C-alpha atoms as a PDB file:
ATOM      1  CA  UNK A   1       0.000   0.000   0.000  1.00  0.00           C
ATOM      2  CA  UNK A   2       1.409   3.384  -0.978  1.00  0.00           C
ATOM      3  CA  UNK A   3       0.904   6.481   1.157  1.00  0.00           C
ATOM      4  CA  UNK A   4       0.606  10.158   0.352  1.00  0.00           C
ATOM      5  CA  UNK A   5       3.837  11.171   2.108  1.00  0.00           C
ATOM      6  CA  UNK A   6       5.945  12.228  -0.848  1.00  0.00           C
ATOM      7  CA  UNK A   7       9.237  13.760   0.169  1.00  0.00           C
ATOM      8  CA  UNK A   8      11.537  10.741   0.328  1.00  0.00           C
ATOM      9  CA  UNK A   9      12.358  12.060   3.778  1.00  0.00           C
ATOM     10  CA  UNK A  10      14.173  10.068   6.451  1.00  0.00           C
ATOM     11  CA  UNK A  11      12.052   9.870   9.602  1.00  0.00           C
ATOM     12  CA  UNK A  12      13.874   9.220  12.867  1.00  0.00           C
ATOM     13  CA  UNK A  13      11.897   7.112  15.336  1.00  0.00           C
ATOM     14  CA  UNK A  14      13.008   7.421  18.954  1.00  0.00           C
ATOM     15  CA  UNK A  15      12.226   5.762  22.245  1.00  0.00           C
ATOM     16  CA  UNK A  16      13.729   4.924  25.595  1.00  0.00           C
ATOM     17  CA  UNK A  17      16.807   2.724  25.549  1.00  0.00           C
ATOM     18  CA  UNK A  18      15.173  -0.141  27.451  1.00  0.00           C
ATOM     19  CA  UNK A  19      14.943  -3.637  26.003  1.00  0.00           C
ATOM     20  CA  UNK A  20      11.154  -3.417  25.633  1.00  0.00           C
ATOM     21  CA  UNK A  21      11.227   0.076  24.097  1.00  0.00           C
ATOM     22  CA  UNK A  22      13.733  -1.013  21.455  1.00  0.00           C
ATOM     23  CA  UNK A  23      11.651  -4.054  20.485  1.00  0.00           C
ATOM     24  CA  UNK A  24       8.578  -1.837  20.172  1.00  0.00           C
ATOM     25  CA  UNK A  25      10.372   0.813  18.113  1.00  0.00           C
ATOM     26  CA  UNK A  26      11.727  -1.695  15.611  1.00  0.00           C
ATOM     27  CA  UNK A  27       8.230  -3.175  15.322  1.00  0.00           C
ATOM     28  CA  UNK A  28       6.757   0.250  14.491  1.00  0.00           C
ATOM     29  CA  UNK A  29       9.583   0.890  12.007  1.00  0.00           C
ATOM     30  CA  UNK A  30       8.814  -2.404  10.265  1.00  0.00           C
ATOM     31  CA  UNK A  31       5.104  -1.525  10.139  1.00  0.00           C
ATOM     32  CA  UNK A  32       5.870   1.851   8.556  1.00  0.00           C
ATOM     33  CA  UNK A  33       8.258   0.362   6.005  1.00  0.00           C
ATOM     34  CA  UNK A  34       5.581  -2.154   5.009  1.00  0.00           C
ATOM     35  CA  UNK A  35       3.284   0.725   4.000  1.00  0.00           C
ATOM     36  CA  UNK A  36       5.552   1.446   1.021  1.00  0.00           C
ATOM     37  CA  UNK A  37       6.645  -0.496  -2.049  1.00  0.00           C
ATOM     38  CA  UNK A  38       9.618  -0.130  -4.374  1.00  0.00           C
ATOM     39  CA  UNK A  39       7.270   1.406  -6.933  1.00  0.00           C
ATOM     40  CA  UNK A  40       7.121   4.514  -4.760  1.00  0.00           C
ATOM     41  CA  UNK A  41      10.612   5.261  -6.089  1.00  0.00           C
ATOM     42  CA  UNK A  42      12.411   8.411  -4.907  1.00  0.00           C
ATOM     43  CA  UNK A  43       9.373   9.493  -2.875  1.00  0.00           C
ATOM     44  CA  UNK A  44       9.633   6.436  -0.621  1.00  0.00           C
ATOM     45  CA  UNK A  45      10.531   7.619   2.900  1.00  0.00           C
ATOM     46  CA  UNK A  46      13.195   5.967   5.036  1.00  0.00           C
ATOM     47  CA  UNK A  47      12.934   5.139   8.728  1.00  0.00           C
ATOM     48  CA  UNK A  48      15.757   4.952  11.268  1.00  0.00           C
ATOM     49  CA  UNK A  49      15.756   4.422  15.041  1.00  0.00           C
ATOM     50  CA  UNK A  50      17.409   6.296  17.905  1.00  0.00           C
ATOM     51  CA  UNK A  51      17.392   5.465  21.623  1.00  0.00           C
ATOM     52  CA  UNK A  52      17.614   7.926  24.514  1.00  0.00           C
ATOM     53  CA  UNK A  53      17.898   7.269  28.266  1.00  0.00           C
ATOM     54  CA  UNK A  54      15.253   9.044  30.357  1.00  0.00           C
ATOM     55  CA  UNK A  55      15.198  10.076  34.016  1.00  0.00           C
ATOM     56  CA  UNK A  56      13.228   6.940  34.864  1.00  0.00           C
ATOM     57  CA  UNK A  57      15.874   4.774  33.188  1.00  0.00           C
ATOM     58  CA  UNK A  58      18.763   6.475  34.961  1.00  0.00           C
ATOM     59  CA  UNK A  59      17.433   6.204  38.539  1.00  0.00           C
ATOM     60  CA  UNK A  60      16.763   2.510  39.051  1.00  0.00           C
ATOM     61  CA  UNK A  61      17.090   2.463  42.829  1.00  0.00           C
ATOM     62  CA  UNK A  62      14.267   4.782  43.894  1.00  0.00           C
ATOM     63  CA  UNK A  63      10.676   3.538  43.894  1.00  0.00           C
ATOM     64  CA  UNK A  64       8.809   5.010  40.920  1.00  0.00           C
ATOM     65  CA  UNK A  65       6.195   6.750  42.977  1.00  0.00           C
ATOM     66  CA  UNK A  66       8.906   8.586  44.953  1.00  0.00           C
ATOM     67  CA  UNK A  67      10.514   9.819  41.733  1.00  0.00           C
ATOM     68  CA  UNK A  68       7.295  11.732  41.270  1.00  0.00           C
ATOM     69  CA  UNK A  69       7.554  13.629  37.992  1.00  0.00           C
ATOM     70  CA  UNK A  70       4.871  12.830  35.450  1.00  0.00           C
ATOM     71  CA  UNK A  71       7.299  13.038  32.493  1.00  0.00           C
ATOM     72  CA  UNK A  72       9.643  10.476  34.025  1.00  0.00           C
ATOM     73  CA  UNK A  73       9.850   8.388  30.852  1.00  0.00           C
ATOM     74  CA  UNK A  74       9.287  11.083  28.211  1.00  0.00           C
ATOM     75  CA  UNK A  75      10.942  14.443  28.959  1.00  0.00           C
ATOM     76  CA  UNK A  76      14.322  13.803  27.324  1.00  0.00           C
ATOM     77  CA  UNK A  77      12.605  12.308  24.290  1.00  0.00           C
ATOM     78  CA  UNK A  78      10.297  15.296  23.936  1.00  0.00           C
ATOM     79  CA  UNK A  79      13.244  17.702  24.071  1.00  0.00           C
ATOM     80  CA  UNK A  80      14.839  15.834  21.142  1.00  0.00           C
ATOM     81  CA  UNK A  81      11.502  15.878  19.292  1.00  0.00           C
ATOM     82  CA  UNK A  82      10.974  19.608  19.727  1.00  0.00           C
ATOM     83  CA  UNK A  83      14.577  20.307  18.680  1.00  0.00           C
ATOM     84  CA  UNK A  84      13.920  18.250  15.503  1.00  0.00           C
ATOM     85  CA  UNK A  85      16.647  15.739  16.296  1.00  0.00           C
ATOM     86  CA  UNK A  86      13.985  13.017  15.973  1.00  0.00           C
ATOM     87  CA  UNK A  87      10.543  12.877  14.341  1.00  0.00           C
ATOM     88  CA  UNK A  88       8.353  10.216  15.947  1.00  0.00           C
ATOM     89  CA  UNK A  89       8.463   9.055  19.562  1.00  0.00           C
ATOM     90  CA  UNK A  90       7.373   5.480  20.228  1.00  0.00           C
ATOM     91  CA  UNK A  91       5.921   5.222  23.726  1.00  0.00           C
ATOM     92  CA  UNK A  92       4.157   2.746  25.920  1.00  0.00           C
ATOM     93  CA  UNK A  93       1.119   5.004  26.078  1.00  0.00           C
ATOM     94  CA  UNK A  94       0.670   4.270  29.782  1.00  0.00           C
ATOM     95  CA  UNK A  95       3.946   6.135  30.434  1.00  0.00           C
ATOM     96  CA  UNK A  96       2.896   9.301  28.571  1.00  0.00           C
ATOM     97  CA  UNK A  97       1.592  12.207  30.693  1.00  0.00           C
ATOM     98  CA  UNK A  98      -2.006  13.177  29.957  1.00  0.00           C
ATOM     99  CA  UNK A  99      -0.908  16.763  29.260  1.00  0.00           C
ATOM    100  CA  UNK A 100       1.795  17.060  26.584  1.00  0.00           C
ATOM    101  CA  UNK A 101       4.312  19.887  26.081  1.00  0.00           C
ATOM    102  CA  UNK A 102       3.213  22.692  23.786  1.00  0.00           C
ATOM    103  CA  UNK A 103       3.910  21.783  20.168  1.00  0.00           C
ATOM    104  CA  UNK A 104       3.565  18.019  20.716  1.00  0.00           C
ATOM    105  CA  UNK A 105       0.631  15.683  20.123  1.00  0.00           C
ATOM    106  CA  UNK A 106      -0.213  11.984  20.066  1.00  0.00           C
ATOM    107  CA  UNK A 107      -0.400  11.331  16.328  1.00  0.00           C
ATOM    108  CA  UNK A 108      -1.346   7.660  16.566  1.00  0.00           C
ATOM    109  CA  UNK A 109      -2.616   5.122  19.059  1.00  0.00           C
ATOM    110  CA  UNK A 110      -1.854   1.659  17.720  1.00  0.00           C
ATOM    111  CA  UNK A 111      -3.818  -1.541  18.210  1.00  0.00           C
ATOM    112  CA  UNK A 112      -3.764  -2.588  21.814  1.00  0.00           C
ATOM    113  CA  UNK A 113      -2.432  -5.914  22.989  1.00  0.00           C
ATOM    114  CA  UNK A 114      -3.997  -7.626  25.993  1.00  0.00           C
ATOM    115  CA  UNK A 115      -3.805  -4.888  28.678  1.00  0.00           C
ATOM    116  CA  UNK A 116      -4.047  -7.123  31.754  1.00  0.00           C
ATOM    117  CA  UNK A 117      -1.347  -7.716  34.344  1.00  0.00           C
ATOM    118  CA  UNK A 118       0.162 -11.181  34.734  1.00  0.00           C
ATOM    119  CA  UNK A 119       1.576 -13.238  37.577  1.00  0.00           C
ATOM    120  CA  UNK A 120       5.022 -14.781  37.064  1.00  0.00           C
ATOM    121  CA  UNK A 121       6.176 -17.199  39.772  1.00  0.00           C
ATOM    122  CA  UNK A 122       9.730 -18.115  40.703  1.00  0.00           C
ATOM    123  CA  UNK A 123      11.243 -20.786  38.473  1.00  0.00           C
ATOM    124  CA  UNK A 124      10.871 -24.260  39.966  1.00  0.00           C
ATOM    125  CA  UNK A 125       7.829 -23.397  42.077  1.00  0.00           C
ATOM    126  CA  UNK A 126       4.435 -25.000  41.434  1.00  0.00           C
ATOM    127  CA  UNK A 127       2.155 -22.145  42.517  1.00  0.00           C
ATOM    128  CA  UNK A 128      -0.560 -21.440  39.956  1.00  0.00           C
ATOM    129  CA  UNK A 129      -2.122 -18.284  41.409  1.00  0.00           C
ATOM    130  CA  UNK A 130      -1.714 -15.621  44.071  1.00  0.00           C
ATOM    131  CA  UNK A 131      -4.068 -17.694  46.232  1.00  0.00           C
ATOM    132  CA  UNK A 132      -1.446 -20.461  46.315  1.00  0.00           C
ATOM    133  CA  UNK A 133       1.336 -18.278  47.741  1.00  0.00           C
ATOM    134  CA  UNK A 134       2.144 -18.931  51.418  1.00  0.00           C
ATOM    135  CA  UNK A 135       1.446 -16.186  53.969  1.00  0.00           C
ATOM    136  CA  UNK A 136       4.260 -13.619  54.016  1.00  0.00           C
ATOM    137  CA  UNK A 137       5.428 -14.397  50.473  1.00  0.00           C
ATOM    138  CA  UNK A 138       7.063 -11.430  48.735  1.00  0.00           C
ATOM    139  CA  UNK A 139       5.558 -10.265  45.437  1.00  0.00           C
ATOM    140  CA  UNK A 140       7.637  -7.845  43.359  1.00  0.00           C
ATOM    141  CA  UNK A 141       6.168  -4.984  41.334  1.00  0.00           C
ATOM    142  CA  UNK A 142       7.303  -1.490  40.359  1.00  0.00           C
ATOM    143  CA  UNK A 143       3.704  -0.233  40.300  1.00  0.00           C
ATOM    144  CA  UNK A 144       1.860   1.332  43.234  1.00  0.00           C
ATOM    145  CA  UNK A 145      -1.406   0.605  41.409  1.00  0.00           C
ATOM    146  CA  UNK A 146      -0.706  -3.119  41.344  1.00  0.00           C
ATOM    147  CA  UNK A 147       0.520  -3.206  44.935  1.00  0.00           C
ATOM    148  CA  UNK A 148      -2.445  -1.194  46.243  1.00  0.00           C
ATOM    149  CA  UNK A 149      -5.060  -3.349  44.510  1.00  0.00           C
ATOM    150  CA  UNK A 150      -3.365  -6.591  45.501  1.00  0.00           C
ATOM    151  CA  UNK A 151      -3.028  -5.545  49.152  1.00  0.00           C
ATOM    152  CA  UNK A 152      -6.793  -5.170  49.131  1.00  0.00           C
ATOM    153  CA  UNK A 153      -7.345  -8.768  48.017  1.00  0.00           C
ATOM    154  CA  UNK A 154      -4.220 -10.367  49.514  1.00  0.00           C
ATOM    155  CA  UNK A 155      -3.387  -8.578  52.789  1.00  0.00           C
ATOM    156  CA  UNK A 156      -1.373 -11.616  53.947  1.00  0.00           C
ATOM    157  CA  UNK A 157       1.253 -11.117  51.195  1.00  0.00           C
ATOM    158  CA  UNK A 158       4.190  -8.685  51.176  1.00  0.00           C
ATOM    159  CA  UNK A 159       4.882  -6.347  48.253  1.00  0.00           C
ATOM    160  CA  UNK A 160       8.362  -5.122  47.344  1.00  0.00           C
ATOM    161  CA  UNK A 161       9.536  -2.733  44.640  1.00  0.00           C
ATOM    162  CA  UNK A 162      11.415  -4.208  41.680  1.00  0.00           C
ATOM    163  CA  UNK A 163      12.970  -2.226  38.811  1.00  0.00           C
ATOM    164  CA  UNK A 164      14.981  -2.817  35.636  1.00  0.00           C
ATOM    165  CA  UNK A 165      14.572  -4.408  32.216  1.00  0.00           C
ATOM    166  CA  UNK A 166      12.297  -7.442  32.109  1.00  0.00           C
ATOM    167  CA  UNK A 167      15.208  -9.872  31.897  1.00  0.00           C
ATOM    168  CA  UNK A 168      16.804  -8.160  34.919  1.00  0.00           C
ATOM    169  CA  UNK A 169      13.587  -8.415  36.918  1.00  0.00           C
ATOM    170  CA  UNK A 170      13.105 -12.062  36.017  1.00  0.00           C
ATOM    171  CA  UNK A 171      16.698 -12.798  37.050  1.00  0.00           C
ATOM    172  CA  UNK A 172      16.007 -11.141  40.420  1.00  0.00           C
ATOM    173  CA  UNK A 173      12.882 -13.291  40.765  1.00  0.00           C
ATOM    174  CA  UNK A 174      14.642 -16.546  39.930  1.00  0.00           C
ATOM    175  CA  UNK A 175      17.771 -15.947  42.048  1.00  0.00           C
ATOM    176  CA  UNK A 176      17.984 -18.737  44.644  1.00  0.00           C
ATOM    177  CA  UNK A 177      18.738 -16.229  47.403  1.00  0.00           C
ATOM    178  CA  UNK A 178      16.332 -13.577  46.098  1.00  0.00           C
ATOM    179  CA  UNK A 179      13.385 -12.395  48.207  1.00  0.00           C
ATOM    180  CA  UNK A 180      10.681 -12.719  45.552  1.00  0.00           C
ATOM    181  CA  UNK A 181       8.189 -15.571  45.279  1.00  0.00           C
ATOM    182  CA  UNK A 182       6.536 -13.957  42.263  1.00  0.00           C
ATOM    183  CA  UNK A 183       6.332 -10.805  40.156  1.00  0.00           C
ATOM    184  CA  UNK A 184       3.326  -8.989  38.738  1.00  0.00           C
ATOM    185  CA  UNK A 185       4.060  -7.443  35.324  1.00  0.00           C
ATOM    186  CA  UNK A 186       2.208  -6.117  32.286  1.00  0.00           C
ATOM    187  CA  UNK A 187       1.294  -9.041  30.032  1.00  0.00           C
ATOM    188  CA  UNK A 188       1.870  -7.041  26.829  1.00  0.00           C
ATOM    189  CA  UNK A 189       5.490  -6.288  27.719  1.00  0.00           C
ATOM    190  CA  UNK A 190       6.243  -9.902  28.588  1.00  0.00           C
ATOM    191  CA  UNK A 191       4.790 -11.097  25.292  1.00  0.00           C
ATOM    192  CA  UNK A 192       6.537  -8.422  23.182  1.00  0.00           C
ATOM    193  CA  UNK A 193       9.977  -9.300  24.548  1.00  0.00           C
ATOM    194  CA  UNK A 194       9.453 -13.049  24.229  1.00  0.00           C
ATOM    195  CA  UNK A 195       8.759 -13.947  27.851  1.00  0.00           C
ATOM    196  CA  UNK A 196       5.127 -14.946  27.369  1.00  0.00           C
ATOM    197  CA  UNK A 197       6.017 -18.520  28.351  1.00  0.00           C
ATOM    198  CA  UNK A 198       6.818 -17.299  31.875  1.00  0.00           C
ATOM    199  CA  UNK A 199       3.241 -16.167  32.539  1.00  0.00           C
ATOM    200  CA  UNK A 200       1.630 -18.252  35.288  1.00  0.00           C
ATOM    201  CA  UNK A 201      -1.779 -16.554  35.322  1.00  0.00           C
ATOM    202  CA  UNK A 202      -3.485 -13.380  34.154  1.00  0.00           C
ATOM    203  CA  UNK A 203      -4.929 -11.027  36.778  1.00  0.00           C
ATOM    204  CA  UNK A 204      -8.294  -9.699  35.661  1.00  0.00           C
ATOM    205  CA  UNK A 205     -11.169  -7.685  37.137  1.00  0.00           C
ATOM    206  CA  UNK A 206     -12.378  -7.632  39.826  1.00  0.00           C
ATOM    207  CA  UNK A 207      -8.997  -8.595  41.340  1.00  0.00           C
ATOM    208  CA  UNK A 208      -7.001  -6.176  39.200  1.00  0.00           C
ATOM    209  CA  UNK A 209      -7.875  -3.245  36.963  1.00  0.00           C
ATOM    210  CA  UNK A 210      -5.035  -2.340  34.611  1.00  0.00           C
ATOM    211  CA  UNK A 211      -3.130   0.915  34.099  1.00  0.00           C
ATOM    212  CA  UNK A 212      -4.513   3.641  31.851  1.00  0.00           C
ATOM    213  CA  UNK A 213      -3.590   2.780  28.219  1.00  0.00           C
ATOM    214  CA  UNK A 214      -1.629  -0.319  29.252  1.00  0.00           C
ATOM    215  CA  UNK A 215      -0.835  -2.547  26.266  1.00  0.00           C
ATOM    216  CA  UNK A 216      -1.116   0.257  23.678  1.00  0.00           C
ATOM    217  CA  UNK A 217       1.658   2.086  21.836  1.00  0.00           C
ATOM    218  CA  UNK A 218       1.348   5.823  21.266  1.00  0.00           C
ATOM    219  CA  UNK A 219       3.276   7.771  18.628  1.00  0.00           C
ATOM    220  CA  UNK A 220       4.103  11.349  19.641  1.00  0.00           C
ATOM    221  CA  UNK A 221       4.971  13.923  16.961  1.00  0.00           C
ATOM    222  CA  UNK A 222       5.405  17.665  16.520  1.00  0.00           C
ATOM    223  CA  UNK A 223       2.010  19.283  15.988  1.00  0.00           C
ATOM    224  CA  UNK A 224       3.289  21.174  12.919  1.00  0.00           C
ATOM    225  CA  UNK A 225       4.728  18.077  11.183  1.00  0.00           C
ATOM    226  CA  UNK A 226       2.051  17.350   8.581  1.00  0.00           C
ATOM    227  CA  UNK A 227       3.992  14.511   6.936  1.00  0.00           C
ATOM    228  CA  UNK A 228       4.420  12.689  10.249  1.00  0.00           C
ATOM    229  CA  UNK A 229       0.726  13.182  10.957  1.00  0.00           C
ATOM    230  CA  UNK A 230      -0.157  11.584   7.603  1.00  0.00           C
ATOM    231  CA  UNK A 231       1.990   8.585   8.518  1.00  0.00           C
ATOM    232  CA  UNK A 232       0.299   8.322  11.899  1.00  0.00           C
ATOM    233  CA  UNK A 233      -3.187   8.260  10.428  1.00  0.00           C
ATOM    234  CA  UNK A 234      -2.340   4.876   8.935  1.00  0.00           C
ATOM    235  CA  UNK A 235      -1.156   3.500  12.275  1.00  0.00           C
ATOM    236  CA  UNK A 236      -4.148   4.448  14.429  1.00  0.00           C
ATOM    237  CA  UNK A 237      -6.494   1.658  15.521  1.00  0.00           C
ATOM    238  CA  UNK A 238      -9.820   3.363  16.153  1.00  0.00           C
ATOM    239  CA  UNK A 239     -11.259   1.010  18.823  1.00  0.00           C
ATOM    240  CA  UNK A 240      -8.023   1.271  20.813  1.00  0.00           C
ATOM    241  CA  UNK A 241      -7.963   5.036  20.290  1.00  0.00           C
ATOM    242  CA  UNK A 242     -11.466   5.492  21.716  1.00  0.00           C
ATOM    243  CA  UNK A 243     -10.787   3.294  24.743  1.00  0.00           C
ATOM    244  CA  UNK A 244      -7.443   4.902  25.529  1.00  0.00           C
ATOM    245  CA  UNK A 245      -8.676   8.468  25.068  1.00  0.00           C
ATOM    246  CA  UNK A 246     -11.447   7.801  27.591  1.00  0.00           C
ATOM    247  CA  UNK A 247      -8.992   6.253  30.046  1.00  0.00           C
ATOM    248  CA  UNK A 248      -6.445   9.065  29.637  1.00  0.00           C
ATOM    249  CA  UNK A 249      -9.064  11.770  30.096  1.00  0.00           C
ATOM    250  CA  UNK A 250     -10.227  10.110  33.312  1.00  0.00           C
ATOM    251  CA  UNK A 251      -6.638  10.119  34.595  1.00  0.00           C
ATOM    252  CA  UNK A 252      -6.104  13.722  33.480  1.00  0.00           C
ATOM    253  CA  UNK A 253      -9.122  14.944  35.451  1.00  0.00           C
ATOM    254  CA  UNK A 254      -7.936  12.966  38.474  1.00  0.00           C
ATOM    255  CA  UNK A 255      -4.561  14.744  38.063  1.00  0.00           C
ATOM    256  CA  UNK A 256      -2.604  11.547  38.345  1.00  0.00           C
ATOM    257  CA  UNK A 257       0.531  10.326  36.597  1.00  0.00           C
ATOM    258  CA  UNK A 258       1.664   6.775  35.947  1.00  0.00           C
ATOM    259  CA  UNK A 259       2.751   6.516  39.604  1.00  0.00           C
ATOM    260  CA  UNK A 260      -0.674   6.696  41.240  1.00  0.00           C
ATOM    261  CA  UNK A 261      -3.017   3.774  42.001  1.00  0.00           C
ATOM    262  CA  UNK A 262      -5.645   4.481  39.344  1.00  0.00           C
ATOM    263  CA  UNK A 263      -6.924   1.380  37.562  1.00  0.00           C
ATOM    264  CA  UNK A 264      -9.241   1.049  34.563  1.00  0.00           C
ATOM    265  CA  UNK A 265     -11.056  -1.506  32.461  1.00  0.00           C
ATOM    266  CA  UNK A 266     -12.690  -0.632  29.147  1.00  0.00           C
ATOM    267  CA  UNK A 267     -14.683  -2.348  26.411  1.00  0.00           C
ATOM    268  CA  UNK A 268     -15.991  -1.086  23.075  1.00  0.00           C
ATOM    269  CA  UNK A 269     -18.882  -3.092  21.662  1.00  0.00           C
ATOM    270  CA  UNK A 270     -20.216  -1.574  18.480  1.00  0.00           C
ATOM    271  CA  UNK A 271     -20.598   2.097  19.339  1.00  0.00           C
ATOM    272  CA  UNK A 272     -21.041   1.540  23.087  1.00  0.00           C
ATOM    273  CA  UNK A 273     -18.020   2.347  25.268  1.00  0.00           C
ATOM    274  CA  UNK A 274     -17.976   0.927  28.786  1.00  0.00           C
ATOM    275  CA  UNK A 275     -15.261   2.174  31.147  1.00  0.00           C
ATOM    276  CA  UNK A 276     -14.633   1.246  34.776  1.00  0.00           C
ATOM    277  CA  UNK A 277     -12.236   3.279  36.905  1.00  0.00           C
ATOM    278  CA  UNK A 278     -10.923   2.757  40.424  1.00  0.00           C
ATOM    279  CA  UNK A 279      -8.691   4.530  42.923  1.00  0.00           C
ATOM    280  CA  UNK A 280      -7.114   2.584  45.791  1.00  0.00           C
ATOM    281  CA  UNK A 281      -5.199   3.801  48.841  1.00  0.00           C
ATOM    282  CA  UNK A 282      -1.589   2.640  49.108  1.00  0.00           C
ATOM    283  CA  UNK A 283      -2.426   0.228  51.936  1.00  0.00           C
ATOM    284  CA  UNK A 284      -5.368  -1.211  50.002  1.00  0.00           C
ATOM    285  CA  UNK A 285      -7.858  -0.340  52.734  1.00  0.00           C
ATOM    286  CA  UNK A 286      -9.740   2.361  50.816  1.00  0.00           C
ATOM    287  CA  UNK A 287     -11.075   1.605  47.349  1.00  0.00           C
ATOM    288  CA  UNK A 288     -13.629   3.352  45.171  1.00  0.00           C
ATOM    289  CA  UNK A 289     -14.862   2.154  41.804  1.00  0.00           C
ATOM    290  CA  UNK A 290     -17.430   3.226  39.229  1.00  0.00           C
ATOM    291  CA  UNK A 291     -18.516   2.247  35.704  1.00  0.00           C
ATOM    292  CA  UNK A 292     -19.927   4.412  32.910  1.00  0.00           C
ATOM    293  CA  UNK A 293     -21.437   3.119  29.668  1.00  0.00           C
ATOM    294  CA  UNK A 294     -22.242   5.492  26.776  1.00  0.00           C
ATOM    295  CA  UNK A 295     -22.571   5.541  22.994  1.00  0.00           C
ATOM    296  CA  UNK A 296     -19.592   7.194  21.289  1.00  0.00           C
ATOM    297  CA  UNK A 297     -19.184   8.441  17.724  1.00  0.00           C
ATOM    298  CA  UNK A 298     -15.908  10.380  17.964  1.00  0.00           C
ATOM    299  CA  UNK A 299     -12.699  10.801  19.968  1.00  0.00           C
ATOM    300  CA  UNK A 300     -14.344  13.778  21.673  1.00  0.00           C
ATOM    301  CA  UNK A 301     -17.227  11.565  22.801  1.00  0.00           C
ATOM    302  CA  UNK A 302     -14.745   9.078  24.253  1.00  0.00           C
ATOM    303  CA  UNK A 303     -12.970  11.814  26.187  1.00  0.00           C
ATOM    304  CA  UNK A 304     -16.309  12.972  27.566  1.00  0.00           C
ATOM    305  CA  UNK A 305     -16.949   9.463  28.902  1.00  0.00           C
ATOM    306  CA  UNK A 306     -13.592   9.537  30.684  1.00  0.00           C
ATOM    307  CA  UNK A 307     -14.255  13.008  32.044  1.00  0.00           C
ATOM    308  CA  UNK A 308     -17.656  11.986  33.402  1.00  0.00           C
ATOM    309  CA  UNK A 309     -16.168   8.887  35.020  1.00  0.00           C
ATOM    310  CA  UNK A 310     -13.470  10.918  36.761  1.00  0.00           C
ATOM    311  CA  UNK A 311     -16.012  13.417  38.047  1.00  0.00           C
ATOM    312  CA  UNK A 312     -18.044  10.621  39.630  1.00  0.00           C
ATOM    313  CA  UNK A 313     -14.897   9.097  41.163  1.00  0.00           C
ATOM    314  CA  UNK A 314     -13.987  12.479  42.650  1.00  0.00           C
ATOM    315  CA  UNK A 315     -17.493  12.873  44.059  1.00  0.00           C
ATOM    316  CA  UNK A 316     -17.274   9.529  45.872  1.00  0.00           C
ATOM    317  CA  UNK A 317     -13.834  10.040  47.410  1.00  0.00           C
ATOM    318  CA  UNK A 318     -11.027   9.757  44.838  1.00  0.00           C
ATOM    319  CA  UNK A 319      -9.634  13.224  45.561  1.00  0.00           C
ATOM    320  CA  UNK A 320      -9.088  12.470  49.246  1.00  0.00           C
ATOM    321  CA  UNK A 321      -7.286   9.200  48.505  1.00  0.00           C
ATOM    322  CA  UNK A 322      -5.005  10.861  45.920  1.00  0.00           C
ATOM    323  CA  UNK A 323      -4.345  13.865  48.192  1.00  0.00           C
ATOM    324  CA  UNK A 324      -3.333  11.514  51.010  1.00  0.00           C
ATOM    325  CA  UNK A 325      -0.997   9.658  48.633  1.00  0.00           C
ATOM    326  CA  UNK A 326       0.645  12.898  47.490  1.00  0.00           C
ATOM    327  CA  UNK A 327       1.094  14.047  51.100  1.00  0.00           C
ATOM    328  CA  UNK A 328       2.715  10.729  52.013  1.00  0.00           C
ATOM    329  CA  UNK A 329       4.929  10.862  48.907  1.00  0.00           C
ATOM    330  CA  UNK A 330       6.130  14.365  49.797  1.00  0.00           C
ATOM    331  CA  UNK A 331       6.893  13.230  53.349  1.00  0.00           C
ATOM    332  CA  UNK A 332       8.888  10.234  52.140  1.00  0.00           C
ATOM    333  CA  UNK A 333      10.817  12.313  49.587  1.00  0.00           C
ATOM    334  CA  UNK A 334      11.865  14.746  52.336  1.00  0.00           C
ATOM    335  CA  UNK A 335      12.803  11.803  54.552  1.00  0.00           C
ATOM    336  CA  UNK A 336      14.855  10.164  51.779  1.00  0.00           C
ATOM    337  CA  UNK A 337      16.733  13.408  51.080  1.00  0.00           C
ATOM    338  CA  UNK A 338      17.506  13.832  54.769  1.00  0.00           C
ATOM    339  CA  UNK A 339      18.809  10.263  54.963  1.00  0.00           C
ATOM    340  CA  UNK A 340      20.990  10.868  51.888  1.00  0.00           C
ATOM    341  CA  UNK A 341      22.450  14.008  53.472  1.00  0.00           C
ATOM    342  CA  UNK A 342      23.229  12.146  56.704  1.00  0.00           C
ATOM    343  CA  UNK A 343      24.877   9.358  54.721  1.00  0.00           C
ATOM    344  CA  UNK A 344      26.949  11.874  52.729  1.00  0.00           C
ATOM    345  CA  UNK A 345      28.246  13.673  55.831  1.00  0.00           C
ATOM    346  CA  UNK A 346      29.123  10.417  57.601  1.00  0.00           C
ATOM    347  CA  UNK A 347      31.695   9.448  54.951  1.00  0.00           C
END
């Protein structure tokens, strides 16, 4: 299939330098190249890839929710985009802030893979579900959303932060002297990097609602780059777009980033969009949840569904839970800085 982009231009795709991000970027590059044939001649565009470390990649010791900033995985990439060093950013859409820098936009939302979270147990163990884990077992996850929801259903288990590339995390899990009995990870990432065989069980509602836009790739471009926008139109998967726009708008109204315990579940059947949202306190003791179901005919309609859902969640207590989380985060950040200063002066 030939496209209308006609300049023979070389487009630079960029993403984080992580293992998963590189796999995803090469996949998008291959998809774009497949849109063109040799008969396009000199007008056929070229696609190259570039990888940039972000703040979230560089600090692998601190828990994500203590790192705070909403652009943890995107800021350095967006600087390169705005400076025209690169042309298309390939993101896990769940990592992209709901408010973008001026001059940037999400040009495409690609077809979503299964957005659920999955349980991966330590190699050699026979456990088949979280219910099988002995009391006090340690479950690793880098997500406060996962930990908060699981504490609600499994208060007898312990939850410990785990960071790094997927292969690094799995090595930490499988280490004979490691603390982890199991990890909870995004299914889509495991499958994309070739670790689908390690999945023990999928965690689905009502036990676990997934992260906003989890499983979907988003392509960020400059808002004045018409050629990139034309490319993106061919990548967008409309059902995924409508679901993710609703989820992202809900998160935007709740004023949360990827490091807050907001979970969602969405379905599009015909023109009816059904979205469930939840907010859970860090200890799992407070949990609010609501579902909205509306007909949608446009991206704007989908965003309105998300907005309405967030407003209901706020009215039944979401704001208080999120405010308490932010207060606790600020306290722990101050505490961590003080401990670092004490450690520095003691050397």
